[in-house]
Amino acid sequence: MAVIYVFSTNGKHIDGLHQLIGVSAFILAVVTLLLGFYQFKAKNKLAVRTTHRLLGRFSLVLFLTAITLGLKLINII
């Protein structure tokens, strides 16, 4: 759906709140994934694990917010 939207907007695809939150959520999800792998090699495992968990929860909230805003954009909500 994102690819179809980008092609239909002629390059103005990161100009709204839905898009910004979606990109932020995706970046946080990737960082969370990388922290999950890094926690096995880290010296301070507790701090990395805690950060991993908090970022995971925050990215989930951001994903749900982006989904809600996307459904509002297409007039379902």
N, C-alpha and C. Protein backbone atom coordinates (compact mmCIF):
# COMPACT_ATOMS: atom_id res chain seq x y z
N MET A 1 0.82 -1.19 0.00
CA MET A 1 0.00 0.00 0.00
C MET A 1 0.87 1.26 0.00
N ALA A 2 1.98 1.21 0.72
CA ALA A 2 2.85 2.39 0.77
C ALA A 2 3.43 2.70 -0.60
N VAL A 3 3.81 1.67 -1.34
CA VAL A 3 4.39 1.88 -2.68
C VAL A 3 3.35 2.50 -3.60
N ILE A 4 2.13 2.03 -3.56
CA ILE A 4 1.06 2.60 -4.38
C ILE A 4 0.83 4.06 -4.01
N TYR A 5 0.85 4.35 -2.71
CA TYR A 5 0.65 5.74 -2.26
C TYR A 5 1.77 6.65 -2.75
N VAL A 6 3.00 6.18 -2.67
CA VAL A 6 4.14 7.01 -3.09
C VAL A 6 4.03 7.34 -4.57
N PHE A 7 3.70 6.35 -5.39
CA PHE A 7 3.58 6.61 -6.83
C PHE A 7 2.41 7.53 -7.16
N SER A 8 1.38 7.51 -6.35
CA SER A 8 0.22 8.35 -6.65
C SER A 8 0.38 9.79 -6.15
N THR A 9 1.35 10.06 -5.28
CA THR A 9 1.53 11.41 -4.74
C THR A 9 2.65 12.18 -5.41
N ASN A 10 3.26 11.62 -6.41
CA ASN A 10 4.34 12.29 -7.16
C ASN A 10 5.49 12.74 -6.27
N GLY A 11 5.92 11.89 -5.35
CA GLY A 11 7.10 12.17 -4.55
C GLY A 11 6.85 12.83 -3.21
N LYS A 12 5.64 13.27 -2.92
CA LYS A 12 5.34 13.90 -1.63
C LYS A 12 4.77 12.84 -0.69
N HIS A 13 5.63 11.92 -0.27
CA HIS A 13 5.13 10.79 0.50
C HIS A 13 5.46 10.86 1.99
N ILE A 14 6.32 11.75 2.42
CA ILE A 14 6.61 11.90 3.84
C ILE A 14 6.23 13.32 4.25
N ASP A 15 4.96 13.66 4.10
CA ASP A 15 4.54 15.02 4.40
C ASP A 15 3.42 15.10 5.43
N GLY A 16 3.02 13.98 5.98
CA GLY A 16 1.94 13.99 6.95
C GLY A 16 2.33 13.30 8.24
N LEU A 17 1.49 13.43 9.23
CA LEU A 17 1.75 12.83 10.54
C LEU A 17 1.76 11.31 10.46
N HIS A 18 0.86 10.73 9.69
CA HIS A 18 0.81 9.28 9.53
C HIS A 18 2.12 8.74 8.97
N GLN A 19 2.64 9.41 7.97
CA GLN A 19 3.87 8.95 7.33
C GLN A 19 5.07 9.10 8.26
N LEU A 20 5.14 10.22 8.96
CA LEU A 20 6.26 10.43 9.88
C LEU A 20 6.26 9.44 11.03
N ILE A 21 5.09 9.18 11.58
CA ILE A 21 5.01 8.21 12.67
C ILE A 21 5.32 6.81 12.16
N GLY A 22 4.87 6.48 10.96
CA GLY A 22 5.16 5.17 10.38
C GLY A 22 6.64 4.95 10.16
N VAL A 23 7.32 5.95 9.62
CA VAL A 23 8.77 5.83 9.40
C VAL A 23 9.49 5.73 10.74
N SER A 24 9.08 6.53 11.71
CA SER A 24 9.70 6.48 13.03
C SER A 24 9.50 5.11 13.68
N ALA A 25 8.31 4.55 13.55
CA ALA A 25 8.03 3.23 14.12
C ALA A 25 8.88 2.17 13.45
N PHE A 26 9.04 2.26 12.14
CA PHE A 26 9.85 1.27 11.42
C PHE A 26 11.32 1.37 11.84
N ILE A 27 11.83 2.59 11.96
CA ILE A 27 13.22 2.76 12.38
C ILE A 27 13.42 2.24 13.80
N LEU A 28 12.48 2.54 14.69
CA LEU A 28 12.58 2.04 16.07
C LEU A 28 12.49 0.51 16.12
N ALA A 29 11.69 -0.08 15.25
CA ALA A 29 11.60 -1.54 15.22
C ALA A 29 12.92 -2.16 14.78
N VAL A 30 13.59 -1.54 13.82
CA VAL A 30 14.90 -2.05 13.37
C VAL A 30 15.93 -1.89 14.48
N VAL A 31 15.93 -0.74 15.15
CA VAL A 31 16.86 -0.53 16.27
C VAL A 31 16.59 -1.53 17.39
N THR A 32 15.32 -1.80 17.66
CA THR A 32 14.95 -2.77 18.68
C THR A 32 15.46 -4.16 18.31
N LEU A 33 15.32 -4.53 17.05
CA LEU A 33 15.83 -5.82 16.58
C LEU A 33 17.34 -5.91 16.77
N LEU A 34 18.05 -4.87 16.39
CA LEU A 34 19.50 -4.86 16.54
C LEU A 34 19.92 -4.91 18.01
N LEU A 35 19.19 -4.21 18.86
CA LEU A 35 19.49 -4.28 20.30
C LEU A 35 19.23 -5.68 20.85
N GLY A 36 18.22 -6.35 20.31
CA GLY A 36 17.95 -7.71 20.74
C GLY A 36 19.10 -8.65 20.45
N PHE A 37 19.73 -8.48 19.30
CA PHE A 37 20.90 -9.29 18.97
C PHE A 37 22.13 -8.86 19.78
N TYR A 38 22.25 -7.56 20.00
CA TYR A 38 23.42 -7.03 20.70
C TYR A 38 23.43 -7.38 22.19
N GLN A 39 22.28 -7.62 22.77
CA GLN A 39 22.23 -7.86 24.21
C GLN A 39 23.00 -9.11 24.63
N PHE A 40 23.24 -10.04 23.70
CA PHE A 40 23.99 -11.25 24.05
C PHE A 40 25.49 -10.98 24.15
N LYS A 41 25.98 -9.93 23.49
CA LYS A 41 27.41 -9.61 23.51
C LYS A 41 27.73 -8.41 24.38
N ALA A 42 26.75 -7.71 24.86
CA ALA A 42 26.97 -6.48 25.62
C ALA A 42 27.53 -6.80 27.00
N LYS A 43 28.32 -5.87 27.50
CA LYS A 43 28.86 -6.03 28.85
C LYS A 43 27.81 -5.69 29.90
N ASN A 44 27.00 -4.66 29.63
CA ASN A 44 25.94 -4.28 30.55
C ASN A 44 24.61 -4.81 29.99
N LYS A 45 24.39 -6.10 30.16
CA LYS A 45 23.24 -6.77 29.57
C LYS A 45 21.91 -6.23 30.09
N LEU A 46 21.86 -5.86 31.35
CA LEU A 46 20.61 -5.39 31.93
C LEU A 46 20.16 -4.08 31.28
N ALA A 47 21.09 -3.17 31.07
CA ALA A 47 20.73 -1.88 30.46
C ALA A 47 20.28 -2.07 29.02
N VAL A 48 20.97 -2.92 28.28
CA VAL A 48 20.61 -3.15 26.88
C VAL A 48 19.26 -3.86 26.80
N ARG A 49 19.05 -4.83 27.66
CA ARG A 49 17.78 -5.56 27.67
C ARG A 49 16.62 -4.65 28.03
N THR A 50 16.82 -3.76 29.01
CA THR A 50 15.78 -2.82 29.41
C THR A 50 15.47 -1.85 28.27
N THR A 51 16.51 -1.34 27.62
CA THR A 51 16.31 -0.45 26.48
C THR A 51 15.59 -1.16 25.35
N HIS A 52 15.97 -2.41 25.10
CA HIS A 52 15.34 -3.23 24.06
C HIS A 52 13.83 -3.38 24.33
N ARG A 53 13.48 -3.67 25.55
CA ARG A 53 12.07 -3.84 25.90
C ARG A 53 11.29 -2.54 25.79
N LEU A 54 11.85 -1.44 26.28
CA LEU A 54 11.16 -0.16 26.23
C LEU A 54 10.97 0.32 24.79
N LEU A 55 12.01 0.18 23.96
CA LEU A 55 11.88 0.58 22.56
C LEU A 55 10.88 -0.30 21.82
N GLY A 56 10.83 -1.57 22.17
CA GLY A 56 9.84 -2.46 21.55
C GLY A 56 8.42 -2.04 21.88
N ARG A 57 8.19 -1.70 23.11
CA ARG A 57 6.85 -1.26 23.50
C ARG A 57 6.49 0.07 22.86
N PHE A 58 7.46 0.99 22.81
CA PHE A 58 7.21 2.30 22.22
C PHE A 58 6.97 2.18 20.71
N SER A 59 7.73 1.30 20.04
CA SER A 59 7.51 1.12 18.60
C SER A 59 6.15 0.49 18.34
N LEU A 60 5.69 -0.37 19.21
CA LEU A 60 4.35 -0.95 19.06
C LEU A 60 3.28 0.13 19.16
N VAL A 61 3.44 1.03 20.12
CA VAL A 61 2.49 2.14 20.26
C VAL A 61 2.52 3.02 19.01
N LEU A 62 3.72 3.28 18.49
CA LEU A 62 3.83 4.09 17.28
C LEU A 62 3.19 3.39 16.08
N PHE A 63 3.37 2.07 15.95
CA PHE A 63 2.74 1.34 14.86
C PHE A 63 1.22 1.41 14.94
N LEU A 64 0.68 1.24 16.14
CA LEU A 64 -0.77 1.31 16.30
C LEU A 64 -1.30 2.71 16.01
N THR A 65 -0.53 3.73 16.38
CA THR A 65 -0.92 5.10 16.07
C THR A 65 -0.89 5.35 14.57
N ALA A 66 0.15 4.85 13.89
CA ALA A 66 0.24 5.02 12.44
C ALA A 66 -0.90 4.29 11.73
N ILE A 67 -1.26 3.12 12.22
CA ILE A 67 -2.39 2.38 11.62
C ILE A 67 -3.69 3.15 11.80
N THR A 68 -3.90 3.68 13.00
CA THR A 68 -5.11 4.45 13.26
C THR A 68 -5.18 5.69 12.38
N LEU A 69 -4.07 6.40 12.26
CA LEU A 69 -4.05 7.59 11.42
C LEU A 69 -4.24 7.22 9.94
N GLY A 70 -3.69 6.09 9.52
CA GLY A 70 -3.89 5.63 8.14
C GLY A 70 -5.34 5.30 7.85
N LEU A 71 -6.00 4.67 8.81
CA LEU A 71 -7.42 4.37 8.61
C LEU A 71 -8.25 5.64 8.60
N LYS A 72 -7.82 6.65 9.34
CA LYS A 72 -8.52 7.95 9.28
C LYS A 72 -8.31 8.62 7.93
N LEU A 73 -7.11 8.46 7.36
CA LEU A 73 -6.84 9.06 6.05
C LEU A 73 -7.73 8.51 4.95
N ILE A 74 -8.06 7.22 5.05
CA ILE A 74 -8.90 6.62 4.02
C ILE A 74 -10.36 6.53 4.45
N ASN A 75 -10.71 7.27 5.49
CA ASN A 75 -12.11 7.43 5.96
C ASN A 75 -12.76 6.13 6.39
N ILE A 76 -12.01 5.26 7.04
CA ILE A 76 -12.61 4.06 7.62
C ILE A 76 -12.98 4.33 9.08
N ILE A 77 -12.21 5.13 9.74
CA ILE A 77 -12.52 5.51 11.13
C ILE A 77 -13.05 6.92 11.15
